[in-house]
């Protein structure tokens, strides 16, 4: 999570890597990512659908300009309707926030 130290316009970027899923979900398997501000959905960054099975790890990344007030909290959200899980470690999961002014 990121807590804005001051009010301003921020560039929020993130990367989420999902571990592979070897199960077949009827009609395909979905992956979605988003950022939340103070617990509320703000921006759906990317979504992905595979009509067969996942053949390997899948990484989704996005970036969004956001106006934040001081003490606003930015968190990541990830969803899979299959058996995919979010990979751990800073090399596979990242959140960056840059104050633009």
C-alpha atoms as a PDB file:
ATOM      1  CA  UNK A   1       0.000   0.000   0.000  1.00  0.00           C
ATOM      2  CA  UNK A   2       0.988   3.609  -0.535  1.00  0.00           C
ATOM      3  CA  UNK A   3      -0.195   6.529   1.610  1.00  0.00           C
ATOM      4  CA  UNK A   4       0.057   9.953  -0.012  1.00  0.00           C
ATOM      5  CA  UNK A   5       2.165  12.232   2.205  1.00  0.00           C
ATOM      6  CA  UNK A   6       0.795  15.395   0.557  1.00  0.00           C
ATOM      7  CA  UNK A   7      -2.051  16.306  -1.775  1.00  0.00           C
ATOM      8  CA  UNK A   8      -1.215  16.365  -5.468  1.00  0.00           C
ATOM      9  CA  UNK A   9      -1.261  14.601  -8.804  1.00  0.00           C
ATOM     10  CA  UNK A  10       0.523  11.231  -8.726  1.00  0.00           C
ATOM     11  CA  UNK A  11       1.563   8.736 -11.358  1.00  0.00           C
ATOM     12  CA  UNK A  12       0.623   5.330  -9.938  1.00  0.00           C
ATOM     13  CA  UNK A  13       2.097   2.309 -11.705  1.00  0.00           C
ATOM     14  CA  UNK A  14       2.085  -1.346 -10.831  1.00  0.00           C
ATOM     15  CA  UNK A  15       2.953  -4.844 -11.976  1.00  0.00           C
ATOM     16  CA  UNK A  16       1.237  -8.021 -10.794  1.00  0.00           C
ATOM     17  CA  UNK A  17       2.418 -11.476 -11.814  1.00  0.00           C
ATOM     18  CA  UNK A  18       0.067 -14.430 -11.563  1.00  0.00           C
ATOM     19  CA  UNK A  19       1.350 -17.989 -11.125  1.00  0.00           C
ATOM     20  CA  UNK A  20       0.226 -20.373 -13.814  1.00  0.00           C
ATOM     21  CA  UNK A  21      -3.049 -22.253 -13.543  1.00  0.00           C
ATOM     22  CA  UNK A  22      -3.251 -25.677 -15.108  1.00  0.00           C
ATOM     23  CA  UNK A  23      -7.015 -26.057 -14.698  1.00  0.00           C
ATOM     24  CA  UNK A  24      -9.520 -25.401 -17.448  1.00  0.00           C
ATOM     25  CA  UNK A  25     -12.269 -22.964 -16.531  1.00  0.00           C
ATOM     26  CA  UNK A  26     -15.424 -23.286 -18.632  1.00  0.00           C
ATOM     27  CA  UNK A  27     -15.314 -20.609 -21.331  1.00  0.00           C
ATOM     28  CA  UNK A  28     -11.814 -19.485 -20.377  1.00  0.00           C
ATOM     29  CA  UNK A  29     -10.063 -18.053 -17.368  1.00  0.00           C
ATOM     30  CA  UNK A  30      -9.979 -14.350 -16.475  1.00  0.00           C
ATOM     31  CA  UNK A  31      -7.351 -12.165 -14.789  1.00  0.00           C
ATOM     32  CA  UNK A  32      -8.096  -8.575 -13.752  1.00  0.00           C
ATOM     33  CA  UNK A  33      -6.076  -5.903 -11.954  1.00  0.00           C
ATOM     34  CA  UNK A  34      -6.982  -2.556 -10.459  1.00  0.00           C
ATOM     35  CA  UNK A  35      -5.917   0.135  -8.049  1.00  0.00           C
ATOM     36  CA  UNK A  36      -8.125   1.140  -5.164  1.00  0.00           C
ATOM     37  CA  UNK A  37      -8.098   4.471  -3.355  1.00  0.00           C
ATOM     38  CA  UNK A  38      -9.260   4.336   0.252  1.00  0.00           C
ATOM     39  CA  UNK A  39     -10.763   0.915  -0.435  1.00  0.00           C
ATOM     40  CA  UNK A  40     -12.780   2.000  -3.497  1.00  0.00           C
ATOM     41  CA  UNK A  41     -12.103   0.897  -7.061  1.00  0.00           C
ATOM     42  CA  UNK A  42     -10.532   3.734  -9.032  1.00  0.00           C
ATOM     43  CA  UNK A  43      -9.033   2.294 -12.204  1.00  0.00           C
ATOM     44  CA  UNK A  44      -9.186  -1.138 -13.796  1.00  0.00           C
ATOM     45  CA  UNK A  45      -5.722  -1.398 -15.260  1.00  0.00           C
ATOM     46  CA  UNK A  46      -5.800  -4.544 -17.329  1.00  0.00           C
ATOM     47  CA  UNK A  47      -7.837  -7.626 -17.881  1.00  0.00           C
ATOM     48  CA  UNK A  48      -6.910 -10.792 -19.670  1.00  0.00           C
ATOM     49  CA  UNK A  49      -8.846 -13.822 -20.855  1.00  0.00           C
ATOM     50  CA  UNK A  50      -7.375 -17.111 -21.965  1.00  0.00           C
ATOM     51  CA  UNK A  51      -9.720 -19.532 -23.692  1.00  0.00           C
ATOM     52  CA  UNK A  52      -7.659 -22.634 -22.953  1.00  0.00           C
ATOM     53  CA  UNK A  53      -5.321 -23.092 -19.982  1.00  0.00           C
ATOM     54  CA  UNK A  54      -2.469 -20.918 -18.779  1.00  0.00           C
ATOM     55  CA  UNK A  55       0.784 -22.170 -20.232  1.00  0.00           C
ATOM     56  CA  UNK A  56       2.994 -20.156 -17.901  1.00  0.00           C
ATOM     57  CA  UNK A  57       3.131 -17.160 -15.605  1.00  0.00           C
ATOM     58  CA  UNK A  58       1.258 -14.041 -16.733  1.00  0.00           C
ATOM     59  CA  UNK A  59       2.250 -10.476 -15.835  1.00  0.00           C
ATOM     60  CA  UNK A  60      -0.117  -7.498 -16.047  1.00  0.00           C
ATOM     61  CA  UNK A  61       1.073  -3.897 -15.684  1.00  0.00           C
ATOM     62  CA  UNK A  62      -0.655  -0.518 -15.764  1.00  0.00           C
ATOM     63  CA  UNK A  63      -0.150   3.144 -14.961  1.00  0.00           C
ATOM     64  CA  UNK A  64      -2.643   5.886 -14.092  1.00  0.00           C
ATOM     65  CA  UNK A  65      -2.539   9.592 -13.210  1.00  0.00           C
ATOM     66  CA  UNK A  66      -4.467  10.152  -9.980  1.00  0.00           C
ATOM     67  CA  UNK A  67      -5.314  13.201  -7.870  1.00  0.00           C
ATOM     68  CA  UNK A  68      -4.786  12.260  -4.227  1.00  0.00           C
ATOM     69  CA  UNK A  69      -5.448  14.097  -0.983  1.00  0.00           C
ATOM     70  CA  UNK A  70      -2.981  13.865   1.874  1.00  0.00           C
ATOM     71  CA  UNK A  71      -3.345  10.488   3.631  1.00  0.00           C
ATOM     72  CA  UNK A  72      -5.247   8.821   0.761  1.00  0.00           C
ATOM     73  CA  UNK A  73      -4.275   5.140   0.621  1.00  0.00           C
ATOM     74  CA  UNK A  74      -3.613   3.375  -2.695  1.00  0.00           C
ATOM     75  CA  UNK A  75      -3.763  -0.431  -2.764  1.00  0.00           C
ATOM     76  CA  UNK A  76      -3.636  -3.084  -5.473  1.00  0.00           C
ATOM     77  CA  UNK A  77      -6.423  -5.509  -6.351  1.00  0.00           C
ATOM     78  CA  UNK A  78      -6.103  -8.695  -8.386  1.00  0.00           C
ATOM     79  CA  UNK A  79      -8.724 -11.235  -9.463  1.00  0.00           C
ATOM     80  CA  UNK A  80      -8.701 -14.638 -11.107  1.00  0.00           C
ATOM     81  CA  UNK A  81     -11.660 -16.928 -11.668  1.00  0.00           C
ATOM     82  CA  UNK A  82      -9.308 -19.899 -12.003  1.00  0.00           C
ATOM     83  CA  UNK A  83      -6.710 -21.323  -9.660  1.00  0.00           C
ATOM     84  CA  UNK A  84      -4.185 -18.566 -10.485  1.00  0.00           C
ATOM     85  CA  UNK A  85      -2.481 -16.967  -7.507  1.00  0.00           C
ATOM     86  CA  UNK A  86      -0.503 -13.751  -7.227  1.00  0.00           C
ATOM     87  CA  UNK A  87       3.246 -14.348  -7.155  1.00  0.00           C
ATOM     88  CA  UNK A  88       5.149 -13.092  -4.133  1.00  0.00           C
ATOM     89  CA  UNK A  89       8.328 -11.083  -3.914  1.00  0.00           C
ATOM     90  CA  UNK A  90       9.260  -7.598  -5.044  1.00  0.00           C
ATOM     91  CA  UNK A  91      10.524  -8.841  -8.405  1.00  0.00           C
ATOM     92  CA  UNK A  92       7.013 -10.081  -9.288  1.00  0.00           C
ATOM     93  CA  UNK A  93       4.761  -7.571  -7.549  1.00  0.00           C
ATOM     94  CA  UNK A  94       5.380  -3.842  -7.475  1.00  0.00           C
ATOM     95  CA  UNK A  95       3.592  -0.561  -6.758  1.00  0.00           C
ATOM     96  CA  UNK A  96       5.194   2.812  -7.457  1.00  0.00           C
ATOM     97  CA  UNK A  97       3.819   6.292  -6.807  1.00  0.00           C
ATOM     98  CA  UNK A  98       5.467   9.479  -8.078  1.00  0.00           C
ATOM     99  CA  UNK A  99       4.316  12.962  -7.099  1.00  0.00           C
ATOM    100  CA  UNK A 100       4.028  15.105 -10.216  1.00  0.00           C
ATOM    101  CA  UNK A 101       2.960  18.281  -8.473  1.00  0.00           C
END
